[in-house]
Amino acid sequence: MAACRDRVRLQGAGEKGASNGEIGPQDAGNGALFPPPGSPSKAGRVKGCLRANLLVLLTVAGVLAGVAVGLGVRQVPGGLSRAGILAFSFPGELLLRLLKMIILPLVVCSLVSGAASLDPASLGRLGGWAMLFFLLTTLLASAIGVCLAFIIRPGEGAAPPSLGGEGDGAMPAAKEVADSFLDLIRNIFPSNLVSATFRSVSDSLHHPMPCAVSRRSPLNNRARNDSWAVCPSSLSLFPGLLSSLSYLVPLMTNVDLFSPQVPLGDEVEGMNILGLVVFAIVFGIALRKLGPEGENLIKFFNSFNEATMVLVAWIMWYAPLGIMFLVAGKIVEMEDVVVLFTSLGKYICCCVLGHFIHGFILLPVIYFIFTRKNPYRFLWGIFTALATAFGTSSSSATLPLMMKCVEENNGVSKHISRFILPIGATVNMDGAALFQCVAAVFIAQLNNIPLNFIQVITIL
């Protein structure tokens, strides 16, 4: 009986010690120094962590393998021909084609469903804060680029490239700021949604061919500039006729046949993503305004969007292999790395340092200020998208993977990500703003042109 009482007392003491986080006598006797069988072991936790981050680790391995393979292929005697390089980077080209294939349905469906799921007031606030953030970060990126260019001075001491003789050819006329602004407005309001999926509008300067020459005013005998009419472009098929007209018409009318260059809107290859974004947002708002009548169409776009995200998930597992060949192909394409870094080393260093400061210091600080969370854990969650951006150099091609990463790895709401990310991929170009500002200062330093404060502000 005494032994039984001692055994019960020891068991009770062990349970009490275990409840206090201590090892009881029975645990010591059995050597139970690890968590109970129900909790995972250290090896299990490591295995679970690897499984959860398998895609990210494969992407990292793909980037490193791409660098190694690219450097190795460059050592092949004689190198690869142009056809050989294209064949070598073909798996990477497939990744680009898959991502570009999914952009159109992803952008349209995500924006329509996102705009339809938010009330107009919330949509306006969200869009306003997003545009303010985009403007602020772009301005900060430009300021970083200008400051680094003045500190590192990449164009100082470099010789400007030779452009040949002065009479070799005329420089093309530059577009005016007003023409670029009009291009932006034209692309916001596309005339054809179908053509907007693969074409956009861009002004270029042309010499219009007049069918009617300018009339002279009987009062001052000066040509009126507003009386030109443009010939159909089909006349360019008859160069002999045009040469005859250029000789005969001035003799009969005493006027010049050709007028000065004027900007004309041309359709160029490339998706008009801005016009599609604006249309999708407005269409989503219109569906919400319809009420019950628009619910079926909203459900259709929601289902379409979810199916598109399933396709994105499948493409993501091909991304590590595609990124490896994209990176390797870019390295093989470089003609002479030594000459490149010798001539543009300071410029490249300035751009890379600026991108590092902006992407890994400034933006994480802004994220921490507003969320009080670890920004680098967030960056780790989108590493697959970042590696894809590094390999493809395309914001639009990275958009599908970015949506998948922020929703699944970082827990961002679908209503937020599917509304903000397509807009950000269209208008928020921090990296481009940074390197263009560096390029402007670099060219000024290359030609020994001093920049005053007003000119620096203009660059920004």
Protein backbone atom coordinates (compact mmCIF):
# COMPACT_ATOMS: atom_id res chain seq x y z
CA MET A 1 0.00 0.00 0.00
CA ALA A 2 2.83 2.41 0.87
CA ALA A 3 4.52 1.64 -2.44
CA CYS A 4 1.26 2.34 -4.27
CA ARG A 5 0.85 5.65 -2.43
CA ASP A 6 4.47 6.61 -3.33
CA ARG A 7 3.85 5.69 -6.97
CA VAL A 8 0.67 7.82 -7.10
CA ARG A 9 2.49 10.70 -5.37
CA LEU A 10 5.35 10.55 -7.90
CA GLN A 11 2.90 10.40 -10.82
CA GLY A 12 1.01 13.43 -9.52
CA ALA A 13 4.26 15.34 -9.04
CA GLY A 14 5.28 14.47 -12.58
CA GLU A 15 1.99 15.72 -14.03
CA LYS A 16 2.26 18.94 -12.02
CA GLY A 17 5.85 19.49 -13.19
CA ALA A 18 4.84 18.82 -16.77
CA SER A 19 2.05 21.36 -16.50
CA ASN A 20 4.67 23.91 -15.36
CA GLY A 21 6.94 23.14 -18.33
CA GLU A 22 9.25 20.89 -16.24
CA ILE A 23 10.24 17.26 -16.82
CA GLY A 24 8.53 14.97 -14.39
CA PRO A 25 10.14 11.93 -12.73
CA GLN A 26 8.42 9.52 -15.07
CA ASP A 27 9.71 11.51 -18.06
CA ALA A 28 13.22 11.40 -16.68
CA GLY A 29 12.95 7.68 -16.12
CA ASN A 30 11.71 7.10 -19.65
CA GLY A 31 14.18 9.57 -21.23
CA ALA A 32 11.35 11.68 -22.77
CA LEU A 33 13.38 14.83 -23.50
CA PHE A 34 11.52 15.65 -26.78
CA PRO A 35 7.99 16.92 -27.42
CA PRO A 36 5.15 14.43 -27.12
CA PRO A 37 4.45 12.17 -30.09
CA GLY A 38 1.63 14.42 -31.37
CA SER A 39 3.92 17.43 -32.07
CA PRO A 40 6.31 17.40 -35.07
CA SER A 41 9.98 16.74 -34.50
CA LYS A 42 12.75 19.07 -35.61
CA ALA A 43 13.29 17.04 -38.76
CA GLY A 44 9.57 17.20 -39.46
CA ARG A 45 9.53 20.97 -39.06
CA VAL A 46 12.47 21.34 -41.43
CA LYS A 47 10.77 19.06 -43.93
CA GLY A 48 7.56 21.06 -43.67
CA CYS A 49 9.43 24.33 -44.17
CA LEU A 50 11.16 22.95 -47.26
CA ARG A 51 7.85 21.72 -48.64
CA ALA A 52 6.18 25.08 -48.03
CA ASN A 53 9.01 26.99 -49.75
CA LEU A 54 9.80 24.41 -52.41
CA LEU A 55 8.86 26.66 -55.32
CA VAL A 56 10.92 29.56 -53.99
CA LEU A 57 13.94 27.32 -53.45
CA LEU A 58 13.59 25.87 -56.94
CA THR A 59 13.44 29.40 -58.34
CA VAL A 60 16.62 30.38 -56.49
CA ALA A 61 18.29 27.23 -57.77
CA GLY A 62 17.08 28.06 -61.28
CA VAL A 63 18.63 31.54 -61.18
CA LEU A 64 21.96 30.25 -59.86
CA ALA A 65 21.98 27.38 -62.34
CA GLY A 66 21.19 29.80 -65.16
CA VAL A 67 24.17 31.97 -64.28
CA ALA A 68 26.45 28.94 -64.06
CA VAL A 69 25.18 27.40 -67.30
CA GLY A 70 25.40 30.71 -69.14
CA LEU A 71 28.99 31.31 -68.05
CA GLY A 72 29.85 27.73 -68.95
CA VAL A 73 28.36 27.95 -72.44
CA ARG A 74 30.32 31.16 -73.05
CA GLN A 75 33.52 29.14 -72.64
CA VAL A 76 32.64 26.87 -75.57
CA PRO A 77 35.26 27.40 -78.32
CA GLY A 78 33.78 29.43 -81.14
CA GLY A 79 30.64 30.21 -79.16
CA LEU A 80 27.09 29.65 -80.33
CA SER A 81 25.60 31.02 -83.51
CA ARG A 82 22.52 33.20 -83.42
CA ALA A 83 20.35 30.20 -84.27
CA GLY A 84 22.09 28.19 -81.57
CA ILE A 85 21.42 30.87 -78.96
CA LEU A 86 17.73 30.95 -79.91
CA ALA A 87 17.51 27.17 -79.64
CA PHE A 88 19.38 27.20 -76.32
CA SER A 89 17.02 29.77 -74.76
CA PHE A 90 13.86 28.17 -76.20
CA PRO A 91 12.56 26.86 -72.82
CA GLY A 92 12.80 30.41 -71.48
CA GLU A 93 10.91 31.71 -74.51
CA LEU A 94 8.14 29.23 -73.72
CA LEU A 95 7.83 30.67 -70.21
CA LEU A 96 7.51 34.18 -71.64
CA ARG A 97 4.84 33.06 -74.08
CA LEU A 98 2.86 31.29 -71.36
CA LEU A 99 2.94 34.35 -69.11
CA LYS A 100 1.97 36.73 -71.90
CA MET A 101 -0.83 34.39 -72.93
CA ILE A 102 -2.40 34.66 -69.50
CA ILE A 103 -2.05 38.45 -69.10
CA LEU A 104 -5.17 39.51 -71.02
CA PRO A 105 -7.77 37.30 -69.28
CA LEU A 106 -6.08 37.82 -65.93
CA VAL A 107 -6.05 41.64 -66.11
CA VAL A 108 -9.57 42.04 -67.48
CA CYS A 109 -11.26 39.47 -65.24
CA SER A 110 -9.42 40.49 -62.07
CA LEU A 111 -10.19 44.18 -62.54
CA VAL A 112 -13.84 43.60 -63.44
CA SER A 113 -14.38 41.31 -60.43
CA GLY A 114 -12.37 43.60 -58.15
CA ALA A 115 -14.21 46.77 -59.19
CA ALA A 116 -17.58 45.02 -58.96
CA SER A 117 -16.86 43.72 -55.45
CA LEU A 118 -16.18 47.18 -53.96
CA ASP A 119 -18.60 50.03 -53.50
CA PRO A 120 -17.73 53.17 -55.50
CA ALA A 121 -16.67 55.12 -52.39
CA SER A 122 -14.23 52.42 -51.25
CA LEU A 123 -13.03 51.99 -54.82
CA GLY A 124 -12.32 55.70 -55.11
CA ARG A 125 -10.42 55.82 -51.81
CA LEU A 126 -8.40 52.73 -52.67
CA GLY A 127 -7.56 54.01 -56.14
CA GLY A 128 -6.66 57.46 -54.81
CA TRP A 129 -4.29 56.10 -52.16
CA ALA A 130 -2.76 53.73 -54.71
CA MET A 131 -2.09 56.52 -57.22
CA LEU A 132 -0.62 58.70 -54.47
CA PHE A 133 1.68 55.86 -53.42
CA PHE A 134 2.71 55.20 -57.02
CA LEU A 135 3.50 58.88 -57.57
CA LEU A 136 5.47 59.13 -54.33
CA THR A 137 7.58 56.02 -54.91
CA THR A 138 8.29 56.99 -58.52
CA LEU A 139 9.44 60.44 -57.39
CA LEU A 140 11.64 58.88 -54.70
CA ALA A 141 13.15 56.47 -57.23
CA SER A 142 13.94 59.37 -59.57
CA ALA A 143 15.53 61.32 -56.72
CA ILE A 144 17.68 58.32 -55.77
CA GLY A 145 18.85 57.96 -59.36
CA VAL A 146 19.78 61.65 -59.71
CA CYS A 147 21.59 61.73 -56.34
CA LEU A 148 23.62 58.61 -57.12
CA ALA A 149 24.48 59.95 -60.58
CA PHE A 150 25.88 63.14 -59.04
CA ILE A 151 27.77 61.17 -56.37
CA ILE A 152 29.24 58.40 -58.56
CA ARG A 153 29.48 60.61 -61.71
CA PRO A 154 29.30 57.76 -64.25
CA GLY A 155 29.86 60.03 -67.27
CA GLU A 156 32.92 61.85 -65.95
CA GLY A 157 36.11 61.13 -67.89
CA ALA A 158 34.37 58.99 -70.50
CA ALA A 159 34.73 59.84 -74.18
CA PRO A 160 31.48 60.48 -76.07
CA PRO A 161 30.86 57.95 -78.85
CA SER A 162 31.58 58.91 -82.43
CA LEU A 163 28.44 59.42 -84.49
CA GLY A 164 30.14 59.65 -87.86
CA GLY A 165 30.24 62.63 -90.20
CA GLU A 166 27.83 65.50 -89.89
CA GLY A 167 26.44 64.92 -93.35
CA ASP A 168 25.72 61.22 -92.88
CA GLY A 169 22.05 61.79 -92.12
CA ALA A 170 19.63 63.99 -90.28
CA MET A 171 18.67 63.22 -86.73
CA PRO A 172 15.03 62.19 -86.33
CA ALA A 173 12.83 64.89 -84.90
CA ALA A 174 11.95 64.40 -81.25
CA LYS A 175 8.36 64.10 -80.09
CA GLU A 176 6.88 66.99 -78.20
CA VAL A 177 5.60 66.59 -74.66
CA ALA A 178 2.10 67.47 -75.87
CA ASP A 179 2.23 64.64 -78.43
CA SER A 180 3.22 62.13 -75.74
CA PHE A 181 0.38 63.35 -73.54
CA LEU A 182 -2.07 62.97 -76.42
CA ASP A 183 -0.77 59.43 -76.96
CA LEU A 184 -1.57 58.68 -73.33
CA ILE A 185 -5.13 59.99 -73.70
CA ARG A 186 -5.66 58.07 -76.94
CA ASN A 187 -4.54 54.83 -75.33
CA ILE A 188 -6.84 55.39 -72.34
CA PHE A 189 -9.80 55.51 -74.74
CA PRO A 190 -9.14 52.84 -77.39
CA SER A 191 -11.27 52.98 -80.51
CA ASN A 192 -11.39 49.18 -80.76
CA LEU A 193 -11.15 46.82 -77.80
CA VAL A 194 -10.13 43.90 -79.99
CA SER A 195 -7.19 45.76 -81.53
CA ALA A 196 -6.28 47.08 -78.06
CA THR A 197 -5.35 43.54 -77.07
CA PHE A 198 -2.35 43.59 -79.41
CA ARG A 199 -1.88 47.18 -80.62
CA SER A 200 -1.44 50.61 -79.06
CA VAL A 201 -1.27 54.14 -80.45
CA SER A 202 1.95 56.15 -80.74
CA ASP A 203 2.51 59.44 -82.57
CA SER A 204 5.29 59.68 -85.14
CA LEU A 205 6.31 62.54 -87.41
CA HIS A 206 5.52 62.25 -91.12
CA HIS A 207 5.69 64.34 -94.27
CA PRO A 208 2.05 64.36 -95.43
CA MET A 209 1.48 64.25 -99.19
CA PRO A 210 -1.02 66.96 -100.20
CA CYS A 211 -3.65 66.28 -102.82
CA ALA A 212 -4.60 69.95 -102.92
CA VAL A 213 -1.91 72.57 -102.72
CA SER A 214 -2.14 75.53 -100.40
CA ARG A 215 -4.29 78.40 -101.56
CA ARG A 216 -2.80 81.84 -101.54
CA SER A 217 -4.61 84.71 -99.96
CA PRO A 218 -5.49 87.42 -102.50
CA LEU A 219 -4.64 90.06 -99.91
CA ASN A 220 -1.08 89.24 -98.94
CA ASN A 221 -0.14 86.47 -101.38
CA ARG A 222 1.01 84.26 -98.47
CA ALA A 223 0.24 80.56 -98.33
CA ARG A 224 -2.41 79.55 -95.83
CA ASN A 225 -1.24 76.66 -93.67
CA ASP A 226 -4.73 75.36 -92.95
CA SER A 227 -5.61 74.36 -96.50
CA TRP A 228 -3.62 71.14 -96.91
CA ALA A 229 -5.40 67.86 -97.62
CA VAL A 230 -3.51 64.57 -97.24
CA CYS A 231 -3.38 62.09 -100.10
CA PRO A 232 -4.33 58.46 -99.52
CA SER A 233 -1.36 56.34 -98.56
CA SER A 234 -1.90 54.21 -101.65
CA LEU A 235 -0.22 56.92 -103.75
CA SER A 236 3.08 55.78 -102.29
CA LEU A 237 2.78 52.71 -104.53
CA PHE A 238 3.46 54.89 -107.57
CA PRO A 239 6.82 56.61 -107.07
CA GLY A 240 7.01 57.65 -110.72
CA LEU A 241 3.70 59.48 -110.49
CA LEU A 242 4.79 61.21 -107.31
CA SER A 243 8.05 62.36 -108.88
CA SER A 244 6.12 63.80 -111.82
CA LEU A 245 3.74 65.60 -109.50
CA SER A 246 6.62 67.01 -107.51
CA TYR A 247 7.91 68.58 -110.73
CA LEU A 248 4.67 69.71 -112.41
CA VAL A 249 2.52 70.93 -109.53
CA PRO A 250 4.96 73.60 -108.24
CA LEU A 251 5.26 74.95 -111.79
CA MET A 252 1.48 75.28 -112.14
CA THR A 253 0.69 76.60 -108.69
CA ASN A 254 3.94 78.20 -107.52
CA VAL A 255 3.74 76.39 -104.14
CA ASP A 256 5.68 73.63 -102.39
CA LEU A 257 4.22 70.17 -102.73
CA PHE A 258 5.25 68.81 -99.35
CA SER A 259 4.34 70.40 -96.04
CA PRO A 260 6.46 70.23 -92.86
CA GLN A 261 6.38 67.14 -90.69
CA VAL A 262 3.26 66.70 -88.60
CA PRO A 263 2.52 64.16 -85.83
CA LEU A 264 0.21 61.38 -86.93
CA GLY A 265 -1.14 58.63 -84.71
CA ASP A 266 0.17 55.21 -85.74
CA GLU A 267 -0.74 51.81 -84.39
CA VAL A 268 2.31 49.96 -83.08
CA GLU A 269 2.75 46.39 -81.90
CA GLY A 270 2.10 45.85 -78.21
CA MET A 271 -0.91 45.42 -75.98
CA ASN A 272 -2.69 48.62 -74.96
CA ILE A 273 -2.79 47.53 -71.34
CA LEU A 274 -3.74 51.01 -70.11
CA GLY A 275 -6.90 51.13 -72.21
CA LEU A 276 -7.89 47.62 -71.13
CA VAL A 277 -7.36 48.51 -67.47
CA VAL A 278 -9.55 51.62 -67.70
CA PHE A 279 -12.29 49.76 -69.58
CA ALA A 280 -12.29 46.84 -67.13
CA ILE A 281 -12.58 49.15 -64.10
CA VAL A 282 -15.43 51.16 -65.63
CA PHE A 283 -17.18 47.98 -66.76
CA GLY A 284 -16.94 46.50 -63.25
CA ILE A 285 -18.44 49.66 -61.73
CA ALA A 286 -21.25 49.51 -64.29
CA LEU A 287 -21.99 45.88 -63.39
CA ARG A 288 -22.24 46.81 -59.71
CA LYS A 289 -24.63 49.64 -60.57
CA LEU A 290 -26.92 47.15 -62.33
CA GLY A 291 -27.62 45.37 -59.05
CA PRO A 292 -29.29 41.95 -59.36
CA GLU A 293 -29.27 42.13 -63.15
CA GLY A 294 -25.48 42.17 -63.22
CA GLU A 295 -24.87 39.42 -60.65
CA ASN A 296 -24.72 36.61 -63.20
CA LEU A 297 -22.10 38.41 -65.25
CA ILE A 298 -20.10 39.23 -62.10
CA LYS A 299 -20.17 35.53 -61.16
CA PHE A 300 -18.95 34.69 -64.66
CA PHE A 301 -15.95 37.00 -64.33
CA ASN A 302 -15.23 35.69 -60.82
CA SER A 303 -15.25 32.09 -62.09
CA PHE A 304 -13.16 33.06 -65.11
CA ASN A 305 -10.67 34.74 -62.81
CA GLU A 306 -10.40 31.73 -60.51
CA ALA A 307 -9.85 29.42 -63.49
CA THR A 308 -7.13 31.77 -64.74
CA MET A 309 -5.41 31.64 -61.36
CA VAL A 310 -5.41 27.83 -61.57
CA LEU A 311 -3.57 28.13 -64.87
CA VAL A 312 -1.13 30.54 -63.23
CA ALA A 313 -0.47 27.98 -60.48
CA TRP A 314 0.42 25.39 -63.11
CA ILE A 315 2.69 27.80 -64.97
CA MET A 316 4.51 28.64 -61.73
CA TRP A 317 5.91 25.12 -61.50
CA TYR A 318 7.48 25.53 -64.91
CA ALA A 319 8.94 28.92 -63.94
CA PRO A 320 12.22 27.65 -62.35
CA LEU A 321 13.22 25.79 -65.53
CA GLY A 322 12.18 28.67 -67.77
CA ILE A 323 14.01 31.23 -65.62
CA MET A 324 17.17 29.14 -65.73
CA PHE A 325 17.25 29.20 -69.53
CA LEU A 326 16.20 32.86 -69.70
CA VAL A 327 19.10 33.92 -67.48
CA ALA A 328 21.54 31.61 -69.25
CA GLY A 329 20.41 32.86 -72.66
CA LYS A 330 20.87 36.52 -71.68
CA ILE A 331 24.39 35.79 -70.44
CA VAL A 332 25.29 33.93 -73.64
CA GLU A 333 23.91 36.80 -75.78
CA MET A 334 26.30 39.32 -74.22
CA GLU A 335 29.05 39.90 -76.77
CA ASP A 336 31.88 40.98 -74.45
CA VAL A 337 31.22 41.30 -70.73
CA VAL A 338 34.66 42.81 -70.03
CA VAL A 339 34.24 45.58 -72.61
CA LEU A 340 30.70 46.26 -71.39
CA PHE A 341 31.72 46.72 -67.77
CA THR A 342 34.85 48.65 -68.75
CA SER A 343 32.95 51.23 -70.79
CA LEU A 344 29.72 51.39 -68.77
CA GLY A 345 30.83 49.97 -65.42
CA LYS A 346 30.12 53.10 -63.38
CA TYR A 347 26.75 53.57 -65.09
CA ILE A 348 25.75 49.95 -64.44
CA CYS A 349 26.96 50.21 -60.83
CA CYS A 350 24.94 53.39 -60.35
CA CYS A 351 21.74 51.79 -61.67
CA VAL A 352 22.16 48.54 -59.73
CA LEU A 353 22.94 50.38 -56.49
CA GLY A 354 19.92 52.63 -57.00
CA HIS A 355 17.61 49.68 -57.57
CA PHE A 356 18.99 47.95 -54.48
CA ILE A 357 18.46 51.02 -52.29
CA HIS A 358 14.95 51.56 -53.60
CA GLY A 359 13.80 47.93 -53.59
CA PHE A 360 15.52 46.55 -50.49
CA ILE A 361 15.80 49.57 -48.21
CA LEU A 362 13.33 52.34 -49.05
CA LEU A 363 10.25 50.28 -49.91
CA PRO A 364 10.75 47.89 -46.94
CA VAL A 365 11.02 50.92 -44.62
CA ILE A 366 7.71 52.27 -45.97
CA TYR A 367 6.13 48.82 -45.52
CA PHE A 368 7.37 48.59 -41.92
CA ILE A 369 6.13 52.09 -41.04
CA PHE A 370 2.58 51.30 -42.13
CA THR A 371 2.30 47.63 -41.08
CA ARG A 372 4.88 47.10 -38.29
CA LYS A 373 5.72 43.75 -39.88
CA ASN A 374 8.93 42.24 -41.20
CA PRO A 375 9.20 43.47 -44.82
CA TYR A 376 11.81 40.92 -45.80
CA ARG A 377 9.46 38.06 -44.96
CA PHE A 378 7.03 39.67 -47.42
CA LEU A 379 9.79 39.89 -50.03
CA TRP A 380 10.62 36.22 -49.48
CA GLY A 381 6.99 35.38 -50.20
CA ILE A 382 7.17 37.05 -53.63
CA PHE A 383 10.67 35.84 -54.51
CA THR A 384 9.38 33.68 -57.38
CA ALA A 385 7.81 36.76 -58.97
CA LEU A 386 10.98 38.78 -58.38
CA ALA A 387 13.13 36.12 -60.02
CA THR A 388 10.73 36.00 -62.96
CA ALA A 389 10.99 39.78 -63.30
CA PHE A 390 14.79 39.46 -63.25
CA GLY A 391 14.72 36.89 -66.03
CA THR A 392 12.01 38.41 -68.24
CA SER A 393 12.53 42.18 -67.68
CA SER A 394 8.77 42.58 -68.04
CA SER A 395 6.29 43.84 -65.45
CA SER A 396 3.34 42.53 -67.44
CA ALA A 397 4.82 39.04 -67.77
CA THR A 398 5.45 38.95 -64.01
CA LEU A 399 1.92 40.06 -63.10
CA PRO A 400 0.31 36.57 -63.00
CA LEU A 401 2.98 35.18 -60.67
CA MET A 402 2.90 38.29 -58.48
CA MET A 403 -0.85 37.91 -57.93
CA LYS A 404 -0.46 34.27 -56.98
CA CYS A 405 2.44 34.98 -54.60
CA VAL A 406 0.88 37.88 -52.68
CA GLU A 407 -2.43 36.06 -52.23
CA GLU A 408 -1.15 32.63 -51.22
CA ASN A 409 2.19 33.40 -49.54
CA ASN A 410 1.52 36.81 -47.98
CA GLY A 411 -2.22 36.64 -47.34
CA VAL A 412 -3.20 39.79 -49.26
CA SER A 413 -6.94 40.10 -49.90
CA LYS A 414 -8.01 39.14 -53.40
CA HIS A 415 -10.15 42.28 -53.69
CA ILE A 416 -7.05 44.41 -53.09
CA SER A 417 -4.45 42.48 -55.09
CA ARG A 418 -6.59 41.94 -58.17
CA PHE A 419 -7.49 45.61 -58.36
CA ILE A 420 -4.16 47.25 -57.46
CA LEU A 421 -1.57 44.99 -59.09
CA PRO A 422 -2.75 45.36 -62.72
CA ILE A 423 -2.79 49.14 -62.29
CA GLY A 424 0.64 49.11 -60.66
CA ALA A 425 2.10 46.98 -63.44
CA THR A 426 0.83 49.57 -65.92
CA VAL A 427 1.66 52.95 -64.38
CA ASN A 428 4.08 52.36 -61.49
CA MET A 429 7.49 52.13 -63.20
CA ASP A 430 9.95 52.97 -60.41
CA GLY A 431 12.86 51.09 -61.96
CA ALA A 432 12.42 52.75 -65.34
CA ALA A 433 12.19 56.18 -63.72
CA LEU A 434 15.40 55.55 -61.78
CA PHE A 435 17.58 54.41 -64.66
CA GLN A 436 16.22 57.07 -67.03
CA CYS A 437 17.18 59.79 -64.57
CA VAL A 438 20.63 58.24 -64.24
CA ALA A 439 20.89 58.12 -68.04
CA ALA A 440 19.96 61.81 -68.38
CA VAL A 441 22.66 62.89 -65.91
CA PHE A 442 25.13 60.42 -67.45
CA ILE A 443 24.66 61.91 -70.94
CA ALA A 444 25.05 65.45 -69.57
CA GLN A 445 28.29 64.49 -67.82
CA LEU A 446 29.49 62.64 -70.91
CA ASN A 447 29.18 65.84 -72.96
CA ASN A 448 30.47 68.13 -70.17
CA ILE A 449 27.13 69.91 -69.84
CA PRO A 450 26.62 71.41 -66.36
CA LEU A 451 23.12 71.01 -64.93
CA ASN A 452 21.53 73.73 -62.83
CA PHE A 453 18.80 73.28 -60.23
CA ILE A 454 15.94 73.91 -62.67
CA GLN A 455 17.29 71.32 -65.10
CA VAL A 456 17.61 68.74 -62.31
CA ILE A 457 13.99 69.37 -61.30
CA THR A 458 12.99 68.93 -64.94
CA ILE A 459 14.76 65.56 -65.03
CA LEU A 460 12.82 64.47 -61.95
